[in-house]
C-alpha atoms as a PDB file:
ATOM      1  CA  UNK A   1      67.678-141.842  88.294  1.00  0.00           C
ATOM      2  CA  UNK A   2      68.295-140.962  84.666  1.00  0.00           C
ATOM      3  CA  UNK A   3      66.860-144.285  83.548  1.00  0.00           C
ATOM      4  CA  UNK A   4      63.710-143.650  85.575  1.00  0.00           C
ATOM      5  CA  UNK A   5      63.375-140.185  84.037  1.00  0.00           C
ATOM      6  CA  UNK A   6      63.917-141.629  80.572  1.00  0.00           C
ATOM      7  CA  UNK A   7      61.199-144.260  81.136  1.00  0.00           C
ATOM      8  CA  UNK A   8      58.557-141.750  82.243  1.00  0.00           C
ATOM      9  CA  UNK A   9      59.084-139.425  79.287  1.00  0.00           C
ATOM     10  CA  UNK A  10      56.410-139.948  76.650  1.00  0.00           C
ATOM     11  CA  UNK A  11      56.811-140.421  72.933  1.00  0.00           C
ATOM     12  CA  UNK A  12      59.374-141.753  70.511  1.00  0.00           C
ATOM     13  CA  UNK A  13      63.119-141.194  70.792  1.00  0.00           C
ATOM     14  CA  UNK A  14      63.218-137.786  69.088  1.00  0.00           C
ATOM     15  CA  UNK A  15      60.457-136.449  71.373  1.00  0.00           C
ATOM     16  CA  UNK A  16      62.291-137.719  74.458  1.00  0.00           C
ATOM     17  CA  UNK A  17      65.513-136.066  73.340  1.00  0.00           C
ATOM     18  CA  UNK A  18      63.672-132.796  72.718  1.00  0.00           C
ATOM     19  CA  UNK A  19      62.023-132.971  76.144  1.00  0.00           C
ATOM     20  CA  UNK A  20      65.347-133.653  77.848  1.00  0.00           C
ATOM     21  CA  UNK A  21      66.894-130.639  76.115  1.00  0.00           C
ATOM     22  CA  UNK A  22      63.983-128.415  77.151  1.00  0.00           C
ATOM     23  CA  UNK A  23      64.177-129.657  80.740  1.00  0.00           C
ATOM     24  CA  UNK A  24      67.928-129.097  80.817  1.00  0.00           C
ATOM     25  CA  UNK A  25      67.516-125.560  79.489  1.00  0.00           C
ATOM     26  CA  UNK A  26      64.860-124.853  82.136  1.00  0.00           C
ATOM     27  CA  UNK A  27      67.086-126.128  84.940  1.00  0.00           C
ATOM     28  CA  UNK A  28      70.036-124.047  83.735  1.00  0.00           C
ATOM     29  CA  UNK A  29      67.817-120.969  83.481  1.00  0.00           C
ATOM     30  CA  UNK A  30      66.526-121.396  87.037  1.00  0.00           C
ATOM     31  CA  UNK A  31      70.032-121.975  88.364  1.00  0.00           C
ATOM     32  CA  UNK A  32      71.514-118.918  86.678  1.00  0.00           C
ATOM     33  CA  UNK A  33      68.537-116.656  87.447  1.00  0.00           C
ATOM     34  CA  UNK A  34      67.713-117.454  91.078  1.00  0.00           C
ATOM     35  CA  UNK A  35      69.913-120.083  92.694  1.00  0.00           C
ATOM     36  CA  UNK A  36      73.410-118.826  91.852  1.00  0.00           C
ATOM     37  CA  UNK A  37      72.690-115.186  92.829  1.00  0.00           C
ATOM     38  CA  UNK A  38      71.118-116.388  96.100  1.00  0.00           C
ATOM     39  CA  UNK A  39      74.158-118.522  96.931  1.00  0.00           C
ATOM     40  CA  UNK A  40      76.468-115.659  95.999  1.00  0.00           C
ATOM     41  CA  UNK A  41      74.727-113.386  98.484  1.00  0.00           C
ATOM     42  CA  UNK A  42      75.189-115.973 101.245  1.00  0.00           C
ATOM     43  CA  UNK A  43      78.819-116.814 100.576  1.00  0.00           C
ATOM     44  CA  UNK A  44      81.044-114.061 101.856  1.00  0.00           C
ATOM     45  CA  UNK A  45      83.403-112.764  99.245  1.00  0.00           C
ATOM     46  CA  UNK A  46      86.753-112.166 100.803  1.00  0.00           C
ATOM     47  CA  UNK A  47      89.006-110.051  98.704  1.00  0.00           C
ATOM     48  CA  UNK A  48      92.425-111.585  98.741  1.00  0.00           C
ATOM     49  CA  UNK A  49      95.428-110.324  96.902  1.00  0.00           C
ATOM     50  CA  UNK A  50      98.585-112.185  96.276  1.00  0.00           C
ATOM     51  CA  UNK A  51     101.596-109.947  96.266  1.00  0.00           C
ATOM     52  CA  UNK A  52     105.208-110.534  95.468  1.00  0.00           C
ATOM     53  CA  UNK A  53     107.431-110.832  98.570  1.00  0.00           C
END
C-alpha cells in the first residue's frame, strides 16, 4: 500500500517527502480532533481503583 501511495505522488523526492509529511499531519489532526473523542464517548470508562489488601 505504501509503495502504491509513493508511486502516485507527483514530483521529485523532496516534494514526495513533503507531501507525505503534510498527509501524515492531516491524518493525525483528524484523528485527534474527531475520531479519538468519538471513540472515547462510545467506550465506557469504568473507574477502577486498586487498593492494598
